[in-house]
Amino acid sequence: MSNDQLSEKHIRSVLNQSLIASGEKEKLLDLLKVKLIECGWRNEMKQLCREAIRSKNKSNINVEELIEELTPKARASVPDEVKKELLYRLRTFVDNHSDQFLSDS
């Protein structure tokens, strides 16, 4: 692993720890859940799951295979507005806690 990869991994770790300690991670996850329900994404994913299950032999359903098949579609279908709002909130969090990130580096 290069120094840049180690540094990025460290920064991600510090950010994750800070988000957890402050309770912000839970707030962001709650916001994400609400936004995905509001925009219909959750219902779309339920329908994709149903279709994938129907298209396969019902006796051979494997959760891991279903997740592997649907994850790329699910990630790609998250509306840009939802991504932008979460990114904005993360940036705001980092800006408001930048002294902590600089001292932990």
Protein backbone atom coordinates (compact mmCIF):
# COMPACT_ATOMS: atom_id res chain seq x y z
CA MET A 1 0.00 0.00 0.00
CA SER A 2 1.32 3.46 -0.89
CA ASN A 3 1.56 6.32 1.59
CA ASP A 4 -1.37 8.03 -0.15
CA GLN A 5 -3.53 4.91 0.27
CA LEU A 6 -2.53 4.62 3.93
CA SER A 7 -3.26 8.31 4.48
CA GLU A 8 -6.66 8.02 2.81
CA LYS A 9 -7.45 4.93 4.87
CA HIS A 10 -6.43 6.78 8.05
CA ILE A 11 -8.54 9.82 7.14
CA ARG A 12 -11.56 7.61 6.42
CA SER A 13 -11.05 5.86 9.75
CA VAL A 14 -10.81 9.13 11.69
CA LEU A 15 -13.84 10.51 9.88
CA ASN A 16 -15.86 7.38 10.61
CA GLN A 17 -14.87 7.43 14.28
CA SER A 18 -15.79 11.11 14.54
CA LEU A 19 -19.13 10.56 12.84
CA ILE A 20 -19.93 7.70 15.23
CA ALA A 21 -18.75 9.53 18.37
CA SER A 22 -20.77 12.64 17.56
CA GLY A 23 -23.91 10.73 16.62
CA GLU A 24 -23.79 12.28 13.16
CA LYS A 25 -23.43 8.93 11.40
CA GLU A 26 -26.76 7.76 12.80
CA LYS A 27 -28.38 11.05 11.73
CA LEU A 28 -26.98 10.69 8.21
CA LEU A 29 -28.18 7.10 7.96
CA ASP A 30 -31.65 8.15 9.15
CA LEU A 31 -31.70 10.99 6.61
CA LEU A 32 -30.62 8.62 3.85
CA LYS A 33 -33.37 6.15 4.75
CA VAL A 34 -36.04 8.87 4.73
CA LYS A 35 -34.83 10.36 1.42
CA LEU A 36 -34.69 6.98 -0.29
CA ILE A 37 -38.22 6.16 0.86
CA GLU A 38 -39.51 9.61 -0.18
CA CYS A 39 -38.13 9.34 -3.72
CA GLY A 40 -39.43 5.81 -4.22
CA TRP A 41 -35.99 4.19 -4.40
CA ARG A 42 -36.81 1.66 -1.69
CA ASN A 43 -39.93 0.48 -3.51
CA GLU A 44 -37.94 0.24 -6.75
CA MET A 45 -35.39 -1.98 -5.01
CA LYS A 46 -38.13 -4.19 -3.57
CA GLN A 47 -39.52 -4.62 -7.07
CA LEU A 48 -36.05 -5.42 -8.47
CA CYS A 49 -35.63 -8.07 -5.77
CA ARG A 50 -38.97 -9.61 -6.57
CA GLU A 51 -38.17 -9.70 -10.29
CA ALA A 52 -34.73 -11.21 -9.67
CA ILE A 53 -36.23 -13.88 -7.42
CA ARG A 54 -38.94 -14.71 -9.98
CA SER A 55 -36.40 -14.95 -12.79
CA LYS A 56 -34.37 -17.51 -10.85
CA ASN A 57 -35.46 -20.94 -9.76
CA LYS A 58 -37.19 -20.30 -6.43
CA SER A 59 -35.50 -23.30 -4.84
CA ASN A 60 -32.06 -21.87 -5.65
CA ILE A 61 -32.40 -18.42 -4.11
CA ASN A 62 -29.17 -17.31 -2.49
CA VAL A 63 -29.14 -14.00 -0.60
CA GLU A 64 -25.46 -13.37 -1.36
CA GLU A 65 -26.05 -13.82 -5.10
CA LEU A 66 -29.07 -11.54 -4.96
CA ILE A 67 -27.05 -8.86 -3.17
CA GLU A 68 -24.17 -9.24 -5.62
CA GLU A 69 -26.52 -8.92 -8.58
CA LEU A 70 -28.53 -5.96 -7.30
CA THR A 71 -25.93 -3.84 -5.48
CA PRO A 72 -24.52 -2.17 -8.62
CA LYS A 73 -28.05 -1.34 -9.83
CA ALA A 74 -29.05 -0.09 -6.40
CA ARG A 75 -26.03 2.19 -6.05
CA ALA A 76 -26.39 3.54 -9.57
CA SER A 77 -30.06 4.34 -9.05
CA VAL A 78 -29.66 6.51 -5.93
CA PRO A 79 -30.88 9.94 -7.08
CA ASP A 80 -28.19 12.59 -7.52
CA GLU A 81 -30.06 14.96 -5.21
CA VAL A 82 -29.82 12.44 -2.37
CA LYS A 83 -26.09 11.97 -3.00
CA LYS A 84 -25.56 15.75 -3.15
CA GLU A 85 -27.38 16.34 0.13
CA LEU A 86 -25.39 13.66 1.95
CA LEU A 87 -22.12 14.92 0.49
CA TYR A 88 -23.01 18.47 1.55
CA ARG A 89 -23.73 17.29 5.10
CA LEU A 90 -20.46 15.32 5.23
CA ARG A 91 -18.48 18.32 3.99
CA THR A 92 -20.17 20.54 6.55
CA PHE A 93 -19.31 18.05 9.29
CA VAL A 94 -15.67 17.91 8.17
CA ASP A 95 -15.48 21.73 7.96
CA ASN A 96 -16.91 22.06 11.47
CA HIS A 97 -14.54 19.42 12.87
CA SER A 98 -11.43 20.10 10.79
CA ASP A 99 -9.35 20.83 13.90
CA GLN A 100 -10.00 17.26 15.07
CA PHE A 101 -8.92 15.78 11.74
CA LEU A 102 -5.75 17.85 11.66
CA SER A 103 -4.80 16.88 15.21
CA ASP A 104 -5.48 13.15 14.60
CA SER A 105 -3.44 12.92 11.40
